[in-house]
Amino acid sequence: MSDLATWLKLVHVLSATVLFGTGLGTAFFMWRADKAGDVAAIAVTARHVVLADLLFTTPAVIVQPVSGVWLALERGYDFSEGWLHAAIVLYVLTGACWLPVVWLQARMRDMAEAARTSGETLPTRYHRFMRIWFILGWPAFAAVLAIFVLMLFRPEL
């Protein structure tokens, strides 16, 4: 493996780590704040979660396919190989879950901030969005875990 491929692999692994770690961490804190039911805590947590997605998750989401394709080309992988094809499909699935989650988080942040400011309870719409947000997290989480397995073991599919 050339020096370039080693650096690409490092960038790819680090961005995957940021993607997984930030996603898991922010999901945990958002879920815990929601379960506690404290509107002020939910508003602050949602604000930080949206910011973390902007600062960490979004760049990692961009770096992953760029570094992945570049690394695959550098290493001479055939994009029709089953494990690589499956990883790409799972990455698209993850993105299909993540994009609505980002939108939902921003709306929930706004609703929580409005409720905190006005002293009112969270609207029914917030709770509906939270259920959808929670549900969308599971296939994305499972897909990312499966991608890690595919990348590490590169099984014949």
Protein backbone atom coordinates (compact mmCIF):
# COMPACT_ATOMS: atom_id res chain seq x y z
CA MET A 1 0.00 0.00 0.00
CA SER A 2 1.39 3.37 -0.99
CA ASP A 3 1.84 6.21 1.47
CA LEU A 4 -1.16 7.93 -0.12
CA ALA A 5 -3.34 4.88 0.49
CA THR A 6 -2.20 4.76 4.13
CA TRP A 7 -3.16 8.41 4.63
CA LEU A 8 -6.47 7.86 2.84
CA LYS A 9 -7.20 4.90 5.07
CA LEU A 10 -6.43 6.99 8.16
CA VAL A 11 -8.72 9.80 7.00
CA HIS A 12 -11.43 7.28 6.15
CA VAL A 13 -11.21 5.52 9.52
CA LEU A 14 -11.12 8.79 11.46
CA SER A 15 -14.12 10.21 9.62
CA ALA A 16 -16.01 6.94 10.16
CA THR A 17 -15.18 7.18 13.85
CA VAL A 18 -16.41 10.77 14.02
CA LEU A 19 -19.56 9.85 12.11
CA PHE A 20 -20.38 6.90 14.35
CA GLY A 21 -19.29 8.50 17.61
CA THR A 22 -21.01 11.81 17.07
CA GLY A 23 -24.17 10.09 15.86
CA LEU A 24 -24.31 7.74 18.83
CA GLY A 25 -23.38 10.45 21.33
CA THR A 26 -25.81 13.07 20.13
CA ALA A 27 -28.60 10.49 19.83
CA PHE A 28 -28.00 9.39 23.41
CA PHE A 29 -28.07 12.92 24.81
CA MET A 30 -31.10 13.95 22.77
CA TRP A 31 -33.00 10.83 23.82
CA ARG A 32 -32.05 11.25 27.50
CA ALA A 33 -33.04 14.92 27.53
CA ASP A 34 -36.37 14.07 25.94
CA LYS A 35 -37.03 11.28 28.45
CA ALA A 36 -36.26 13.65 31.36
CA GLY A 37 -39.00 15.96 30.05
CA ASP A 38 -37.34 19.19 31.17
CA VAL A 39 -38.14 21.69 28.39
CA ALA A 40 -35.09 23.86 29.17
CA ALA A 41 -32.77 20.84 29.07
CA ILE A 42 -34.36 19.63 25.83
CA ALA A 43 -33.91 23.09 24.26
CA VAL A 44 -30.23 23.28 25.22
CA THR A 45 -29.52 19.69 24.23
CA ALA A 46 -31.29 20.03 20.87
CA ARG A 47 -29.34 23.20 20.15
CA HIS A 48 -26.06 21.38 20.85
CA VAL A 49 -27.10 18.31 18.84
CA VAL A 50 -27.92 20.42 15.79
CA LEU A 51 -24.58 22.23 16.15
CA ALA A 52 -22.67 18.95 16.54
CA ASP A 53 -24.29 17.64 13.35
CA LEU A 54 -23.23 20.79 11.54
CA LEU A 55 -19.65 20.82 12.85
CA PHE A 56 -18.81 17.11 13.00
CA THR A 57 -21.33 14.83 11.32
CA THR A 58 -21.81 16.80 8.10
CA PRO A 59 -18.07 17.01 7.28
CA ALA A 60 -17.69 13.29 8.08
CA VAL A 61 -20.68 12.47 5.84
CA ILE A 62 -18.88 14.29 3.00
CA VAL A 63 -15.41 12.87 3.73
CA GLN A 64 -16.61 9.24 3.90
CA PRO A 65 -17.60 8.72 0.25
CA VAL A 66 -14.76 10.90 -1.07
CA SER A 67 -12.08 9.08 0.92
CA GLY A 68 -13.81 5.72 0.38
CA VAL A 69 -13.97 5.99 -3.40
CA TRP A 70 -10.44 7.39 -3.57
CA LEU A 71 -9.14 4.59 -1.33
CA ALA A 72 -10.96 1.92 -3.34
CA LEU A 73 -9.44 3.28 -6.56
CA GLU A 74 -5.98 3.53 -4.96
CA ARG A 75 -6.21 -0.07 -3.68
CA GLY A 76 -7.63 -1.37 -6.97
CA TYR A 77 -10.96 -2.63 -5.65
CA ASP A 78 -13.68 -3.42 -8.15
CA PHE A 79 -16.84 -1.49 -7.28
CA SER A 80 -18.93 -4.50 -8.30
CA GLU A 81 -17.45 -6.56 -5.45
CA GLY A 82 -20.36 -7.60 -3.25
CA TRP A 83 -19.03 -6.28 0.06
CA LEU A 84 -18.18 -2.89 -1.44
CA HIS A 85 -21.48 -2.62 -3.28
CA ALA A 86 -23.37 -3.56 -0.09
CA ALA A 87 -21.43 -0.96 1.91
CA ILE A 88 -22.35 1.74 -0.61
CA VAL A 89 -26.03 0.75 -0.54
CA LEU A 90 -25.99 0.81 3.27
CA TYR A 91 -24.31 4.22 3.24
CA VAL A 92 -27.08 5.56 1.01
CA LEU A 93 -29.65 4.02 3.37
CA THR A 94 -27.92 5.73 6.30
CA GLY A 95 -28.06 9.05 4.48
CA ALA A 96 -31.73 8.52 3.65
CA CYS A 97 -32.38 8.21 7.39
CA TRP A 98 -29.96 10.95 8.45
CA LEU A 99 -31.26 13.75 6.23
CA PRO A 100 -34.78 13.70 7.70
CA VAL A 101 -33.27 13.35 11.18
CA VAL A 102 -31.29 16.56 10.68
CA TRP A 103 -34.45 18.35 9.57
CA LEU A 104 -36.42 16.92 12.50
CA GLN A 105 -33.73 17.92 15.01
CA ALA A 106 -33.77 21.51 13.80
CA ARG A 107 -37.58 21.66 14.07
CA MET A 108 -37.51 20.04 17.54
CA ARG A 109 -34.84 22.52 18.62
CA ASP A 110 -37.04 25.41 17.50
CA MET A 111 -40.14 23.99 19.18
CA ALA A 112 -38.27 23.35 22.43
CA GLU A 113 -36.78 26.84 22.42
CA ALA A 114 -40.22 28.38 21.79
CA ALA A 115 -41.74 26.32 24.62
CA ARG A 116 -38.88 27.25 26.96
CA THR A 117 -39.21 30.95 26.14
CA SER A 118 -43.00 31.00 26.54
CA GLY A 119 -43.07 28.70 29.57
CA GLU A 120 -45.44 26.34 27.78
CA THR A 121 -45.21 22.59 27.34
CA LEU A 122 -43.83 20.99 24.21
CA PRO A 123 -46.41 20.72 21.42
CA THR A 124 -47.80 17.38 20.25
CA ARG A 125 -45.90 17.88 17.01
CA TYR A 126 -42.59 17.81 18.93
CA HIS A 127 -43.44 14.38 20.40
CA ARG A 128 -44.49 13.05 16.97
CA PHE A 129 -41.19 14.30 15.51
CA MET A 130 -39.27 12.70 18.37
CA ARG A 131 -40.89 9.31 17.68
CA ILE A 132 -40.01 9.55 13.98
CA TRP A 133 -36.47 10.72 14.87
CA PHE A 134 -36.05 7.75 17.22
CA ILE A 135 -37.37 5.24 14.67
CA LEU A 136 -35.12 6.57 11.88
CA GLY A 137 -32.07 6.22 14.12
CA TRP A 138 -32.27 2.43 14.33
CA PRO A 139 -31.85 1.48 10.66
CA ALA A 140 -29.09 4.11 10.31
CA PHE A 141 -27.29 2.74 13.38
CA ALA A 142 -27.61 -0.86 12.17
CA ALA A 143 -26.44 0.11 8.67
CA VAL A 144 -23.33 1.84 10.01
CA LEU A 145 -22.48 -1.21 12.13
CA ALA A 146 -22.94 -3.42 9.06
CA ILE A 147 -20.67 -1.12 7.04
CA PHE A 148 -17.95 -1.50 9.68
CA VAL A 149 -18.27 -5.29 9.41
CA LEU A 150 -18.13 -5.16 5.61
CA MET A 151 -15.09 -2.87 5.62
CA LEU A 152 -13.19 -5.00 8.13
CA PHE A 153 -13.99 -8.48 6.83
CA ARG A 154 -14.72 -7.79 3.12
CA PRO A 155 -16.82 -10.99 2.82
CA GLU A 156 -17.60 -12.59 -0.51
CA LEU A 157 -21.22 -11.65 -1.25
